[in-house]
């Protein structure tokens, strides 16, 4: 089971992705000290949280929270938002500027998915392996080891 490192509430505006990246980087810098590839994985985690938070902001969330959990084998980033809709990878085409965030998450994460909150909203999570990245991850709707 994952050890929760930290939770952070974020503003629901364009500053949120930057603040989320800084939060994740600060929290993981201590948690991953001395581990091989830690800097690279911290960078992956910062990109993943930025993409997930950007999706929430663009979906007009009014409540936004981030959690970071870390264990021996992985880092788990979870983003809660109260916006309608569920995440789904897009296929935007070559001339569209948006719609690639979840494809980036699929590439960097060993797994990702979402689950609906009991009252309103959803948690979207991504797990980053500390041993390497596997095949492209498919989304799952599951609540295993997800903070409440």
N, C-alpha and C. Protein backbone atom coordinates (compact mmCIF):
# COMPACT_ATOMS: atom_id res chain seq x y z
N UNK A 1 0.84 -1.19 0.00
CA UNK A 1 0.00 0.00 0.00
C UNK A 1 0.88 1.24 0.00
N UNK A 2 0.43 2.29 -0.63
CA UNK A 2 1.19 3.53 -0.76
C UNK A 2 1.15 4.34 0.52
N UNK A 3 2.23 5.02 0.77
CA UNK A 3 2.29 5.97 1.87
C UNK A 3 1.97 7.34 1.31
N UNK A 4 0.95 8.01 1.83
CA UNK A 4 0.59 9.33 1.32
C UNK A 4 1.64 10.32 1.78
N UNK A 5 2.19 11.02 0.84
CA UNK A 5 3.21 12.01 1.14
C UNK A 5 2.56 13.35 1.46
N UNK A 6 1.58 13.77 0.64
CA UNK A 6 1.00 15.09 0.86
C UNK A 6 -0.25 15.31 0.03
N UNK A 7 -1.09 16.24 0.51
CA UNK A 7 -2.26 16.75 -0.19
C UNK A 7 -2.10 18.25 -0.36
N UNK A 8 -2.67 18.79 -1.45
CA UNK A 8 -2.63 20.23 -1.66
C UNK A 8 -3.89 20.68 -2.39
N UNK A 9 -4.56 21.70 -1.84
CA UNK A 9 -5.66 22.35 -2.56
C UNK A 9 -5.04 23.37 -3.51
N UNK A 10 -5.66 23.52 -4.67
CA UNK A 10 -5.14 24.46 -5.67
C UNK A 10 -6.25 25.39 -6.13
N UNK A 11 -5.89 26.58 -6.59
CA UNK A 11 -6.89 27.46 -7.18
C UNK A 11 -7.33 26.89 -8.54
N UNK A 12 -8.55 27.13 -8.92
CA UNK A 12 -9.07 26.62 -10.20
C UNK A 12 -8.86 27.67 -11.28
N UNK A 13 -7.61 27.96 -11.54
CA UNK A 13 -7.28 28.94 -12.58
C UNK A 13 -6.00 28.52 -13.28
N UNK A 14 -5.52 29.36 -14.18
CA UNK A 14 -4.36 28.99 -15.00
C UNK A 14 -3.05 28.89 -14.22
N UNK A 15 -3.04 29.32 -12.96
CA UNK A 15 -1.84 29.15 -12.15
C UNK A 15 -1.74 27.74 -11.58
N UNK A 16 -2.82 26.98 -11.59
CA UNK A 16 -2.86 25.66 -10.95
C UNK A 16 -1.82 24.68 -11.49
N UNK A 17 -1.64 24.53 -12.81
CA UNK A 17 -0.63 23.57 -13.27
C UNK A 17 0.78 23.89 -12.77
N UNK A 18 1.15 25.17 -12.80
CA UNK A 18 2.47 25.57 -12.31
C UNK A 18 2.61 25.27 -10.82
N UNK A 19 1.59 25.60 -10.04
CA UNK A 19 1.62 25.33 -8.61
C UNK A 19 1.66 23.83 -8.32
N UNK A 20 0.94 23.04 -9.11
CA UNK A 20 0.93 21.59 -8.94
C UNK A 20 2.31 21.00 -9.23
N UNK A 21 2.95 21.47 -10.30
CA UNK A 21 4.30 20.98 -10.63
C UNK A 21 5.27 21.28 -9.49
N UNK A 22 5.22 22.49 -8.97
CA UNK A 22 6.13 22.87 -7.89
C UNK A 22 5.85 22.05 -6.63
N UNK A 23 4.59 21.84 -6.32
CA UNK A 23 4.20 21.04 -5.15
C UNK A 23 4.73 19.61 -5.27
N UNK A 24 4.50 18.97 -6.41
CA UNK A 24 4.94 17.59 -6.60
C UNK A 24 6.47 17.51 -6.55
N UNK A 25 7.14 18.43 -7.19
CA UNK A 25 8.60 18.41 -7.18
C UNK A 25 9.15 18.56 -5.77
N UNK A 26 8.59 19.49 -5.00
CA UNK A 26 9.05 19.68 -3.61
C UNK A 26 8.83 18.42 -2.79
N UNK A 27 7.65 17.82 -2.89
CA UNK A 27 7.33 16.65 -2.08
C UNK A 27 8.16 15.43 -2.45
N UNK A 28 8.41 15.26 -3.74
CA UNK A 28 9.17 14.08 -4.15
C UNK A 28 10.66 14.25 -4.00
N UNK A 29 11.14 15.49 -3.93
CA UNK A 29 12.59 15.69 -3.80
C UNK A 29 13.09 15.01 -2.53
N UNK A 30 12.37 15.11 -1.44
CA UNK A 30 12.78 14.44 -0.20
C UNK A 30 12.47 12.96 -0.20
N UNK A 31 11.32 12.59 -0.74
CA UNK A 31 10.89 11.20 -0.71
C UNK A 31 11.75 10.30 -1.58
N UNK A 32 12.33 10.85 -2.64
CA UNK A 32 13.10 10.02 -3.57
C UNK A 32 14.60 10.25 -3.47
N UNK A 33 15.05 11.01 -2.48
CA UNK A 33 16.48 11.28 -2.33
C UNK A 33 17.29 9.99 -2.34
N UNK A 34 18.37 10.00 -3.09
CA UNK A 34 19.28 8.87 -3.10
C UNK A 34 18.87 7.72 -4.01
N UNK A 35 17.73 7.81 -4.66
CA UNK A 35 17.27 6.73 -5.52
C UNK A 35 17.74 6.96 -6.95
N UNK A 36 18.15 5.91 -7.60
CA UNK A 36 18.60 6.00 -8.99
C UNK A 36 17.45 6.50 -9.86
N UNK A 37 17.73 7.45 -10.73
CA UNK A 37 16.72 7.96 -11.65
C UNK A 37 15.70 8.87 -11.01
N UNK A 38 15.93 9.30 -9.77
CA UNK A 38 14.94 10.10 -9.05
C UNK A 38 14.61 11.40 -9.77
N UNK A 39 15.61 12.07 -10.30
CA UNK A 39 15.37 13.34 -10.98
C UNK A 39 14.49 13.16 -12.21
N UNK A 40 14.75 12.10 -12.95
CA UNK A 40 13.94 11.81 -14.14
C UNK A 40 12.50 11.51 -13.76
N UNK A 41 12.29 10.72 -12.73
CA UNK A 41 10.94 10.37 -12.30
C UNK A 41 10.22 11.57 -11.70
N UNK A 42 10.94 12.43 -11.01
CA UNK A 42 10.33 13.68 -10.51
C UNK A 42 9.86 14.52 -11.68
N UNK A 43 10.66 14.57 -12.74
CA UNK A 43 10.26 15.31 -13.93
C UNK A 43 9.02 14.72 -14.58
N UNK A 44 8.97 13.38 -14.68
CA UNK A 44 7.78 12.72 -15.22
C UNK A 44 6.55 13.04 -14.38
N UNK A 45 6.71 12.98 -13.05
CA UNK A 45 5.59 13.27 -12.15
C UNK A 45 5.10 14.70 -12.31
N UNK A 46 6.02 15.64 -12.49
CA UNK A 46 5.64 17.04 -12.68
C UNK A 46 4.86 17.22 -13.97
N UNK A 47 5.27 16.56 -15.04
CA UNK A 47 4.53 16.65 -16.30
C UNK A 47 3.15 16.02 -16.16
N UNK A 48 3.08 14.85 -15.54
CA UNK A 48 1.80 14.16 -15.38
C UNK A 48 0.82 15.01 -14.57
N UNK A 49 1.27 15.54 -13.43
CA UNK A 49 0.35 16.34 -12.61
C UNK A 49 -0.08 17.59 -13.36
N UNK A 50 0.82 18.17 -14.13
CA UNK A 50 0.47 19.35 -14.91
C UNK A 50 -0.63 19.04 -15.92
N UNK A 51 -0.52 17.92 -16.60
CA UNK A 51 -1.54 17.53 -17.58
C UNK A 51 -2.88 17.25 -16.91
N UNK A 52 -2.88 16.53 -15.80
CA UNK A 52 -4.13 16.21 -15.11
C UNK A 52 -4.80 17.46 -14.54
N UNK A 53 -4.02 18.35 -13.97
CA UNK A 53 -4.57 19.59 -13.42
C UNK A 53 -5.08 20.50 -14.54
N UNK A 54 -4.35 20.58 -15.64
CA UNK A 54 -4.80 21.38 -16.78
C UNK A 54 -6.17 20.89 -17.27
N UNK A 55 -6.34 19.57 -17.35
CA UNK A 55 -7.64 19.02 -17.76
C UNK A 55 -8.75 19.47 -16.83
N UNK A 56 -8.48 19.45 -15.53
CA UNK A 56 -9.50 19.86 -14.55
C UNK A 56 -9.84 21.34 -14.70
N UNK A 57 -8.83 22.17 -14.87
CA UNK A 57 -9.07 23.61 -15.03
C UNK A 57 -9.87 23.87 -16.31
N UNK A 58 -9.49 23.20 -17.40
CA UNK A 58 -10.20 23.40 -18.67
C UNK A 58 -11.63 22.85 -18.63
N UNK A 59 -11.90 21.91 -17.73
CA UNK A 59 -13.24 21.36 -17.59
C UNK A 59 -14.11 22.20 -16.66
N UNK A 60 -13.61 23.35 -16.23
CA UNK A 60 -14.34 24.30 -15.38
C UNK A 60 -14.56 23.78 -13.96
N UNK A 61 -13.57 23.11 -13.41
CA UNK A 61 -13.65 22.67 -12.01
C UNK A 61 -13.71 23.90 -11.10
N UNK A 62 -14.43 23.75 -10.00
CA UNK A 62 -14.45 24.80 -8.98
C UNK A 62 -13.74 24.36 -7.70
N UNK A 63 -13.45 23.06 -7.59
CA UNK A 63 -12.68 22.49 -6.49
C UNK A 63 -11.59 21.63 -7.11
N UNK A 64 -10.36 21.81 -6.62
CA UNK A 64 -9.22 21.11 -7.21
C UNK A 64 -8.25 20.75 -6.10
N UNK A 65 -7.91 19.45 -6.01
CA UNK A 65 -6.95 18.97 -5.01
C UNK A 65 -5.98 17.99 -5.67
N UNK A 66 -4.76 17.96 -5.16
CA UNK A 66 -3.74 17.05 -5.65
C UNK A 66 -3.19 16.26 -4.47
N UNK A 67 -2.95 14.98 -4.69
CA UNK A 67 -2.24 14.19 -3.68
C UNK A 67 -1.07 13.48 -4.34
N UNK A 68 -0.04 13.23 -3.54
CA UNK A 68 1.15 12.52 -3.98
C UNK A 68 1.38 11.40 -2.99
N UNK A 69 1.51 10.19 -3.50
CA UNK A 69 1.83 9.03 -2.66
C UNK A 69 3.05 8.35 -3.26
N UNK A 70 3.88 7.81 -2.40
CA UNK A 70 5.11 7.19 -2.87
C UNK A 70 5.38 5.94 -2.05
N UNK A 71 5.74 4.87 -2.72
CA UNK A 71 6.21 3.69 -2.01
C UNK A 71 7.51 3.23 -2.66
N UNK A 72 7.94 2.07 -2.34
CA UNK A 72 9.22 1.57 -2.83
C UNK A 72 9.27 1.47 -4.35
N UNK A 73 8.13 1.18 -4.97
CA UNK A 73 8.11 0.88 -6.39
C UNK A 73 7.51 1.95 -7.29
N UNK A 74 6.75 2.89 -6.72
CA UNK A 74 6.05 3.83 -7.59
C UNK A 74 5.68 5.12 -6.89
N UNK A 75 5.36 6.09 -7.73
CA UNK A 75 4.78 7.37 -7.29
C UNK A 75 3.38 7.40 -7.86
N UNK A 76 2.43 7.79 -7.03
CA UNK A 76 1.05 7.89 -7.49
C UNK A 76 0.60 9.34 -7.33
N UNK A 77 0.19 9.94 -8.44
CA UNK A 77 -0.34 11.30 -8.47
C UNK A 77 -1.85 11.18 -8.62
N UNK A 78 -2.60 11.85 -7.77
CA UNK A 78 -4.07 11.85 -7.87
C UNK A 78 -4.56 13.29 -7.89
N UNK A 79 -5.51 13.56 -8.77
CA UNK A 79 -6.09 14.90 -8.89
C UNK A 79 -7.60 14.78 -8.75
N UNK A 80 -8.15 15.51 -7.79
CA UNK A 80 -9.60 15.56 -7.61
C UNK A 80 -10.14 16.84 -8.23
N UNK A 81 -11.27 16.71 -8.94
CA UNK A 81 -11.98 17.91 -9.37
C UNK A 81 -13.47 17.62 -9.35
N UNK A 82 -14.25 18.69 -9.29
CA UNK A 82 -15.70 18.56 -9.22
C UNK A 82 -16.39 18.83 -10.56
N UNK A 83 -15.62 18.88 -11.65
CA UNK A 83 -16.19 19.15 -12.96
C UNK A 83 -16.97 17.94 -13.48
N UNK A 84 -17.95 18.22 -14.32
CA UNK A 84 -18.69 17.14 -14.97
C UNK A 84 -17.78 16.42 -15.96
N UNK A 85 -18.19 15.23 -16.34
CA UNK A 85 -17.47 14.48 -17.36
C UNK A 85 -16.37 13.62 -16.78
N UNK A 86 -15.95 12.67 -17.61
CA UNK A 86 -14.88 11.74 -17.24
C UNK A 86 -13.75 11.87 -18.24
N UNK A 87 -12.54 11.58 -17.82
CA UNK A 87 -11.40 11.72 -18.72
C UNK A 87 -11.41 10.66 -19.81
N UNK A 88 -11.03 11.05 -21.00
CA UNK A 88 -10.90 10.12 -22.12
C UNK A 88 -9.83 10.67 -23.06
N UNK A 89 -8.88 9.83 -23.46
CA UNK A 89 -7.85 10.30 -24.40
C UNK A 89 -8.49 10.79 -25.69
N UNK A 90 -7.96 11.87 -26.22
CA UNK A 90 -8.49 12.43 -27.46
C UNK A 90 -7.66 12.00 -28.66
N UNK A 91 -8.16 12.35 -29.81
CA UNK A 91 -7.46 12.15 -31.08
C UNK A 91 -7.62 13.45 -31.86
N UNK A 92 -6.84 14.49 -31.45
CA UNK A 92 -7.12 15.84 -31.94
C UNK A 92 -6.72 16.13 -33.38
N UNK A 93 -5.90 15.33 -33.98
CA UNK A 93 -5.44 15.65 -35.33
C UNK A 93 -4.22 16.55 -35.28
N UNK A 94 -3.50 16.65 -36.39
CA UNK A 94 -2.20 17.35 -36.38
C UNK A 94 -2.28 18.86 -36.24
N UNK A 95 -3.41 19.48 -36.52
CA UNK A 95 -3.48 20.94 -36.51
C UNK A 95 -4.27 21.51 -35.34
N UNK A 96 -4.62 20.67 -34.39
CA UNK A 96 -5.36 21.10 -33.21
C UNK A 96 -4.37 21.24 -32.06
N UNK A 97 -4.43 22.37 -31.35
CA UNK A 97 -3.45 22.67 -30.31
C UNK A 97 -3.70 21.95 -28.99
N UNK A 98 -4.90 21.45 -28.76
CA UNK A 98 -5.25 20.82 -27.48
C UNK A 98 -5.59 19.35 -27.70
N UNK A 99 -5.75 18.63 -26.57
CA UNK A 99 -6.27 17.28 -26.64
C UNK A 99 -5.25 16.16 -26.56
N UNK A 100 -4.01 16.49 -26.19
CA UNK A 100 -2.98 15.46 -26.13
C UNK A 100 -2.52 15.13 -24.72
N UNK A 101 -3.10 15.77 -23.71
CA UNK A 101 -2.64 15.61 -22.34
C UNK A 101 -2.68 14.18 -21.83
N UNK A 102 -3.79 13.49 -22.05
CA UNK A 102 -3.88 12.11 -21.56
C UNK A 102 -2.98 11.17 -22.35
N UNK A 103 -2.68 11.49 -23.59
CA UNK A 103 -1.71 10.69 -24.34
C UNK A 103 -0.32 10.84 -23.72
N UNK A 104 0.01 12.03 -23.26
CA UNK A 104 1.27 12.25 -22.55
C UNK A 104 1.29 11.45 -21.26
N UNK A 105 0.19 11.49 -20.51
CA UNK A 105 0.09 10.72 -19.27
C UNK A 105 0.25 9.23 -19.57
N UNK A 106 -0.42 8.73 -20.60
CA UNK A 106 -0.28 7.31 -20.97
C UNK A 106 1.16 6.93 -21.27
N UNK A 107 1.89 7.83 -21.88
CA UNK A 107 3.27 7.55 -22.24
C UNK A 107 4.19 7.52 -21.02
N UNK A 108 3.98 8.42 -20.08
CA UNK A 108 4.88 8.54 -18.93
C UNK A 108 4.51 7.63 -17.76
N UNK A 109 3.26 7.25 -17.66
CA UNK A 109 2.79 6.49 -16.50
C UNK A 109 2.75 4.99 -16.78
N UNK A 110 2.96 4.21 -15.74
CA UNK A 110 2.82 2.76 -15.83
C UNK A 110 1.35 2.37 -15.83
N UNK A 111 0.49 3.26 -15.34
CA UNK A 111 -0.95 3.04 -15.32
C UNK A 111 -1.65 4.33 -14.96
N UNK A 112 -2.89 4.45 -15.36
CA UNK A 112 -3.68 5.62 -14.99
C UNK A 112 -5.14 5.23 -15.05
N UNK A 113 -5.97 6.03 -14.39
CA UNK A 113 -7.40 5.76 -14.41
C UNK A 113 -8.14 6.82 -13.62
N UNK A 114 -9.36 6.49 -13.26
CA UNK A 114 -10.18 7.45 -12.53
C UNK A 114 -11.24 6.69 -11.75
N UNK A 115 -11.81 7.36 -10.79
CA UNK A 115 -12.99 6.84 -10.12
C UNK A 115 -13.83 8.03 -9.67
N UNK A 116 -15.11 7.81 -9.62
CA UNK A 116 -16.03 8.86 -9.19
C UNK A 116 -16.00 8.98 -7.67
N UNK A 117 -16.04 10.21 -7.21
CA UNK A 117 -16.14 10.46 -5.78
C UNK A 117 -17.53 10.08 -5.31
N UNK A 118 -17.67 9.78 -4.04
CA UNK A 118 -18.98 9.37 -3.51
C UNK A 118 -20.05 10.43 -3.67
N UNK A 119 -19.70 11.69 -3.53
CA UNK A 119 -20.69 12.76 -3.57
C UNK A 119 -20.73 13.47 -4.92
N UNK A 120 -19.62 14.01 -5.34
CA UNK A 120 -19.56 14.75 -6.60
C UNK A 120 -18.12 14.74 -7.09
N UNK A 121 -17.94 14.79 -8.38
CA UNK A 121 -16.61 14.88 -8.94
C UNK A 121 -15.94 13.54 -9.13
N UNK A 122 -14.62 13.60 -9.32
CA UNK A 122 -13.85 12.40 -9.61
C UNK A 122 -12.40 12.60 -9.20
N UNK A 123 -11.72 11.48 -9.01
CA UNK A 123 -10.27 11.45 -8.84
C UNK A 123 -9.69 10.84 -10.10
N UNK A 124 -8.69 11.48 -10.68
CA UNK A 124 -7.94 10.93 -11.80
C UNK A 124 -6.53 10.68 -11.28
N UNK A 125 -6.02 9.47 -11.50
CA UNK A 125 -4.73 9.11 -10.93
C UNK A 125 -3.80 8.56 -12.01
N UNK A 126 -2.52 8.67 -11.73
CA UNK A 126 -1.49 8.07 -12.58
C UNK A 126 -0.40 7.52 -11.68
N UNK A 127 0.08 6.35 -12.03
CA UNK A 127 1.14 5.70 -11.27
C UNK A 127 2.40 5.68 -12.13
N UNK A 128 3.47 6.21 -11.56
CA UNK A 128 4.76 6.27 -12.25
C UNK A 128 5.70 5.27 -11.60
N UNK A 129 6.16 4.34 -12.39
CA UNK A 129 7.06 3.31 -11.88
C UNK A 129 8.42 3.91 -11.55
N UNK A 130 8.99 3.47 -10.46
CA UNK A 130 10.34 3.89 -10.13
C UNK A 130 11.38 2.92 -10.71
N UNK A 131 10.90 1.92 -11.44
CA UNK A 131 11.79 0.94 -12.06
C UNK A 131 11.84 1.08 -13.56
N UNK A 132 11.00 1.88 -14.15
CA UNK A 132 10.94 2.04 -15.59
C UNK A 132 9.50 2.13 -16.03
N UNK A 133 9.31 2.56 -17.23
CA UNK A 133 7.96 2.73 -17.76
C UNK A 133 7.65 1.58 -18.68
N UNK A 134 6.47 0.99 -18.51
CA UNK A 134 6.06 -0.15 -19.32
C UNK A 134 5.38 0.29 -20.60
N UNK A 135 4.54 -0.56 -21.11
CA UNK A 135 3.78 -0.27 -22.32
C UNK A 135 2.81 0.88 -22.05
N UNK A 136 2.21 1.41 -23.10
CA UNK A 136 1.21 2.45 -22.92
C UNK A 136 0.12 1.95 -21.99
N UNK A 137 -0.21 2.75 -21.02
CA UNK A 137 -1.20 2.36 -20.02
C UNK A 137 -2.60 2.65 -20.51
N UNK A 138 -3.50 1.73 -20.25
CA UNK A 138 -4.91 1.93 -20.57
C UNK A 138 -5.61 2.43 -19.31
N UNK A 139 -6.60 3.32 -19.44
CA UNK A 139 -7.30 3.83 -18.27
C UNK A 139 -8.14 2.75 -17.62
N UNK A 140 -8.31 2.88 -16.32
CA UNK A 140 -9.19 1.97 -15.59
C UNK A 140 -10.06 2.80 -14.66
N UNK A 141 -11.24 2.33 -14.38
CA UNK A 141 -12.10 2.98 -13.40
C UNK A 141 -12.07 2.12 -12.17
N UNK A 142 -11.22 2.51 -11.23
CA UNK A 142 -11.02 1.72 -10.02
C UNK A 142 -10.64 2.64 -8.88
N UNK A 143 -10.82 2.15 -7.66
CA UNK A 143 -10.54 2.98 -6.50
C UNK A 143 -9.46 2.39 -5.60
N UNK A 144 -8.74 1.38 -6.04
CA UNK A 144 -7.73 0.75 -5.21
C UNK A 144 -6.63 1.73 -4.84
N UNK A 145 -6.29 1.79 -3.56
CA UNK A 145 -5.20 2.61 -3.05
C UNK A 145 -5.31 4.09 -3.42
N UNK A 146 -6.50 4.62 -3.51
CA UNK A 146 -6.69 6.02 -3.86
C UNK A 146 -7.08 6.78 -2.61
N UNK A 147 -6.47 7.94 -2.37
CA UNK A 147 -6.81 8.70 -1.17
C UNK A 147 -8.25 9.20 -1.20
N UNK A 148 -8.80 9.38 -0.03
CA UNK A 148 -10.18 9.87 0.07
C UNK A 148 -10.21 11.27 0.59
